[in-house]
Amino acid sequence: MSYLELRRQVFEANMELPAHDLVAWTSGNASIVDRDLGVVVIKPTGIRYPELTVESMVVLDLESGRTVDGAFKPSVDTSTHLYLYRHAADVGAVIHTHSVYATAWAATGQAIPPCLTSIADNFGGPVPCGDYVEIGGDATGREVLRVRGNSPAVLMQNHGVFCAAADLTATLRAAIMVEEVAKTVAVARMIGQPIDLPEDEVERQHGFALHQGGQSGALEHA
């Protein structure tokens, strides 16, 4: 895949973040890896979303982390993205947000319990919460991998959300859906105590969703 096409995909994914109210100001970032080319493409740091362009996405060497092509500095979370790509062969894209409800759960250090079929469908169990670590480096990536299990989304205590999946569509879906379920469960707790689904039902729902849900292709727009 060409640098231009990789940049286009990453630009489109990044622009979905403010469209779904997952980020504010310049926070948040999306990236993709092309293992054949040995590169990662990521959002630049410190640039507001309306000012982003396809050309402003930064191309990095996967192994060294050096800029291969691009006029801007890469995201301050680049080290975390690179760590995930280097240590998890199943990860093809990474998205980081500070979406309000999911980050509120992260502030409490609590996992989101599997009390909704949509949690079972999308995450296969509780959305895990990793311990607080120094942000912006390898430690965050290590903690994400330590706790993620089969979940494409991980809350990081006192920080925010990291989503990692096979491609940008799956990763973006995780970023959108983790905010949705975080909000719903928070509201449910105002009414009463949410009831967790039985473990076997979580597994059944997740398996069904994996085999029946969604359509293949590029970034999907419902």
Foldseek 3Di string as FASTA:
>chain_A
DDLLVQLVQQLVLVLVCVVLQFAPFFDKKKKFDDVVVQKIWIAAPDDGSVPDDSQQIFIARLPPRHTPDHDGHGYLLSQLVSLLVVPPVFFGMKIWTARPLQVVCLQVQDWAAQLDLLCLQQFVGTQEEFEADDGRHNVVNVRCVVTRVRGQWYHYHPGGIMGTGNDSQSRSVSSSSSSVSSVVCVVVVVVHHRDHDPSVVSNVSNVCSVVDPDDDDGRDDD
